[in-house]
Amino acid sequence: MRKLFLGVLVIAGLALLLSGCSGTIILTPEVTGYVRICTYDSYIYGYVYIDDVSTGYRIDGWGGPNCTGYIEVILDERHRIEVWSPSDGTTYRGSFLPAFDGQTIILP
């Protein structure tokens, strides 16, 4: 993904130069950090997926574990989250926007 993005920027820059235009391309690096997902709602239980990718963790608002371990995500970017149980299907679906490394995201 990152290589594709850089390739597009290089091509756009070359197109600007060849057309006689000047321009500035500013790259903002993706900043990653770690978050943990917690819930104390007894109806939220199962395996945790972020952006359709399994985190390898499960949570259970009733009997625990109530929180996952720390999961690496891109900060300042909205992520989709789903908690899925093999017996009952999706028990929670939502999104979150992590602002800093080490943040705890509490599911309602």
C-alpha atoms as a PDB file:
ATOM      1  CA  MET A   1       0.000   0.000   0.000  1.00  0.00           C
ATOM      2  CA  ARG A   2       2.751   2.417   0.977  1.00  0.00           C
ATOM      3  CA  LYS A   3       4.779   1.581  -2.172  1.00  0.00           C
ATOM      4  CA  LEU A   4       1.725   2.201  -4.348  1.00  0.00           C
ATOM      5  CA  PHE A   5       1.135   5.563  -2.655  1.00  0.00           C
ATOM      6  CA  LEU A   6       4.762   6.620  -3.140  1.00  0.00           C
ATOM      7  CA  GLY A   7       4.644   5.483  -6.767  1.00  0.00           C
ATOM      8  CA  VAL A   8       1.587   7.631  -7.427  1.00  0.00           C
ATOM      9  CA  LEU A   9       3.306  10.626  -5.802  1.00  0.00           C
ATOM     10  CA  VAL A  10       6.416  10.168  -7.952  1.00  0.00           C
ATOM     11  CA  ILE A  11       4.340   9.956 -11.131  1.00  0.00           C
ATOM     12  CA  ALA A  12       2.342  13.041 -10.117  1.00  0.00           C
ATOM     13  CA  GLY A  13       5.552  14.939  -9.413  1.00  0.00           C
ATOM     14  CA  LEU A  14       7.020  13.981 -12.780  1.00  0.00           C
ATOM     15  CA  ALA A  15       3.803  15.039 -14.512  1.00  0.00           C
ATOM     16  CA  LEU A  16       4.004  18.450 -12.816  1.00  0.00           C
ATOM     17  CA  LEU A  17       7.630  18.920 -13.859  1.00  0.00           C
ATOM     18  CA  LEU A  18       7.018  17.872 -17.457  1.00  0.00           C
ATOM     19  CA  SER A  19       4.052  20.209 -17.778  1.00  0.00           C
ATOM     20  CA  GLY A  20       6.139  23.160 -16.602  1.00  0.00           C
ATOM     21  CA  CYS A  21       4.389  23.503 -13.269  1.00  0.00           C
ATOM     22  CA  SER A  22       6.056  23.559  -9.933  1.00  0.00           C
ATOM     23  CA  GLY A  23       4.510  22.062  -6.855  1.00  0.00           C
ATOM     24  CA  THR A  24       5.215  20.853  -3.379  1.00  0.00           C
ATOM     25  CA  ILE A  25       4.357  17.373  -2.217  1.00  0.00           C
ATOM     26  CA  ILE A  26       4.147  16.943   1.533  1.00  0.00           C
ATOM     27  CA  LEU A  27       4.244  13.425   2.923  1.00  0.00           C
ATOM     28  CA  THR A  28       2.747  12.778   6.334  1.00  0.00           C
ATOM     29  CA  PRO A  29       4.098   9.576   7.837  1.00  0.00           C
ATOM     30  CA  GLU A  30       1.701   7.135   9.424  1.00  0.00           C
ATOM     31  CA  VAL A  31       2.208   7.095  13.165  1.00  0.00           C
ATOM     32  CA  THR A  32       1.442   3.824  14.899  1.00  0.00           C
ATOM     33  CA  GLY A  33       0.753   3.179  18.539  1.00  0.00           C
ATOM     34  CA  TYR A  34      -0.797   0.579  20.787  1.00  0.00           C
ATOM     35  CA  VAL A  35      -4.334   0.496  22.166  1.00  0.00           C
ATOM     36  CA  ARG A  36      -6.252  -1.999  24.211  1.00  0.00           C
ATOM     37  CA  ILE A  37      -9.962  -2.675  23.862  1.00  0.00           C
ATOM     38  CA  CYS A  38     -12.102  -3.093  27.001  1.00  0.00           C
ATOM     39  CA  THR A  39     -15.770  -3.705  27.768  1.00  0.00           C
ATOM     40  CA  TYR A  40     -17.827  -4.252  30.879  1.00  0.00           C
ATOM     41  CA  ASP A  41     -21.058  -4.901  28.964  1.00  0.00           C
ATOM     42  CA  SER A  42     -22.181  -8.532  29.412  1.00  0.00           C
ATOM     43  CA  TYR A  43     -23.646  -8.557  25.879  1.00  0.00           C
ATOM     44  CA  ILE A  44     -20.260  -7.872  24.250  1.00  0.00           C
ATOM     45  CA  TYR A  45     -18.168 -11.037  24.024  1.00  0.00           C
ATOM     46  CA  GLY A  46     -16.118 -12.860  21.425  1.00  0.00           C
ATOM     47  CA  TYR A  47     -13.100 -12.423  19.185  1.00  0.00           C
ATOM     48  CA  VAL A  48     -11.954  -8.878  18.395  1.00  0.00           C
ATOM     49  CA  TYR A  49     -11.452  -7.798  14.773  1.00  0.00           C
ATOM     50  CA  ILE A  50     -10.078  -4.396  13.782  1.00  0.00           C
ATOM     51  CA  ASP A  51     -10.548  -3.317  10.165  1.00  0.00           C
ATOM     52  CA  ASP A  52     -11.680  -6.885   9.342  1.00  0.00           C
ATOM     53  CA  VAL A  53      -8.404  -8.393  10.634  1.00  0.00           C
ATOM     54  CA  SER A  54      -8.310 -10.696  13.646  1.00  0.00           C
ATOM     55  CA  THR A  55      -6.343  -9.287  16.573  1.00  0.00           C
ATOM     56  CA  GLY A  56      -5.881 -12.716  18.134  1.00  0.00           C
ATOM     57  CA  TYR A  57      -7.682 -11.507  21.275  1.00  0.00           C
ATOM     58  CA  ARG A  58     -11.118 -12.121  22.715  1.00  0.00           C
ATOM     59  CA  ILE A  59     -13.074 -10.161  25.303  1.00  0.00           C
ATOM     60  CA  ASP A  60     -16.043 -10.957  27.497  1.00  0.00           C
ATOM     61  CA  GLY A  61     -17.826  -8.196  29.381  1.00  0.00           C
ATOM     62  CA  TRP A  62     -19.429 -10.647  31.777  1.00  0.00           C
ATOM     63  CA  GLY A  63     -16.855 -13.179  32.904  1.00  0.00           C
ATOM     64  CA  GLY A  64     -13.626 -11.777  31.488  1.00  0.00           C
ATOM     65  CA  PRO A  65     -11.179 -11.217  30.075  1.00  0.00           C
ATOM     66  CA  ASN A  66     -12.628  -7.713  30.004  1.00  0.00           C
ATOM     67  CA  CYS A  67      -9.713  -6.211  28.035  1.00  0.00           C
ATOM     68  CA  THR A  68      -7.459  -7.301  25.205  1.00  0.00           C
ATOM     69  CA  GLY A  69      -3.716  -6.967  25.276  1.00  0.00           C
ATOM     70  CA  TYR A  70      -2.161  -4.027  23.443  1.00  0.00           C
ATOM     71  CA  ILE A  71      -2.856  -3.994  19.700  1.00  0.00           C
ATOM     72  CA  GLU A  72      -0.850  -1.948  17.182  1.00  0.00           C
ATOM     73  CA  VAL A  73      -2.949   0.500  15.146  1.00  0.00           C
ATOM     74  CA  ILE A  74      -2.426   3.666  13.118  1.00  0.00           C
ATOM     75  CA  LEU A  75      -3.068   6.681  15.326  1.00  0.00           C
ATOM     76  CA  ASP A  76      -5.384   9.547  14.291  1.00  0.00           C
ATOM     77  CA  GLU A  77      -7.174   7.257  11.831  1.00  0.00           C
ATOM     78  CA  ARG A  78     -10.693   5.870  12.303  1.00  0.00           C
ATOM     79  CA  HIS A  79     -10.780   2.078  12.660  1.00  0.00           C
ATOM     80  CA  ARG A  80     -13.720  -0.326  12.433  1.00  0.00           C
ATOM     81  CA  ILE A  81     -14.098  -2.814  15.261  1.00  0.00           C
ATOM     82  CA  GLU A  82     -16.201  -5.943  15.472  1.00  0.00           C
ATOM     83  CA  VAL A  83     -16.544  -8.466  18.286  1.00  0.00           C
ATOM     84  CA  TRP A  84     -17.668 -11.830  16.962  1.00  0.00           C
ATOM     85  CA  SER A  85     -18.789 -14.953  18.814  1.00  0.00           C
ATOM     86  CA  PRO A  86     -18.866 -18.352  17.058  1.00  0.00           C
ATOM     87  CA  SER A  87     -22.116 -19.208  18.837  1.00  0.00           C
ATOM     88  CA  ASP A  88     -24.001 -15.898  18.533  1.00  0.00           C
ATOM     89  CA  GLY A  89     -22.408 -13.998  15.634  1.00  0.00           C
ATOM     90  CA  THR A  90     -21.575 -10.307  15.946  1.00  0.00           C
ATOM     91  CA  THR A  91     -22.076  -9.002  19.474  1.00  0.00           C
ATOM     92  CA  TYR A  92     -20.656  -5.508  18.826  1.00  0.00           C
ATOM     93  CA  ARG A  93     -19.855  -3.399  15.776  1.00  0.00           C
ATOM     94  CA  GLY A  94     -18.547   0.158  15.856  1.00  0.00           C
ATOM     95  CA  SER A  95     -15.504   2.344  15.287  1.00  0.00           C
ATOM     96  CA  PHE A  96     -12.883   4.230  17.253  1.00  0.00           C
ATOM     97  CA  LEU A  97     -10.292   6.951  16.652  1.00  0.00           C
ATOM     98  CA  PRO A  98      -7.113   6.393  18.682  1.00  0.00           C
ATOM     99  CA  ALA A  99      -5.388   9.640  19.634  1.00  0.00           C
ATOM    100  CA  PHE A 100      -2.303   8.477  21.544  1.00  0.00           C
ATOM    101  CA  ASP A 101      -0.119   5.461  22.235  1.00  0.00           C
ATOM    102  CA  GLY A 102      -1.290   3.334  25.176  1.00  0.00           C
ATOM    103  CA  GLN A 103      -4.904   4.484  24.925  1.00  0.00           C
ATOM    104  CA  THR A 104      -7.665   2.297  26.349  1.00  0.00           C
ATOM    105  CA  ILE A 105     -10.780   2.119  24.166  1.00  0.00           C
ATOM    106  CA  ILE A 106     -13.920   1.306  26.193  1.00  0.00           C
ATOM    107  CA  LEU A 107     -16.720  -0.314  24.205  1.00  0.00           C
ATOM    108  CA  PRO A 108     -20.146   0.841  25.425  1.00  0.00           C
END
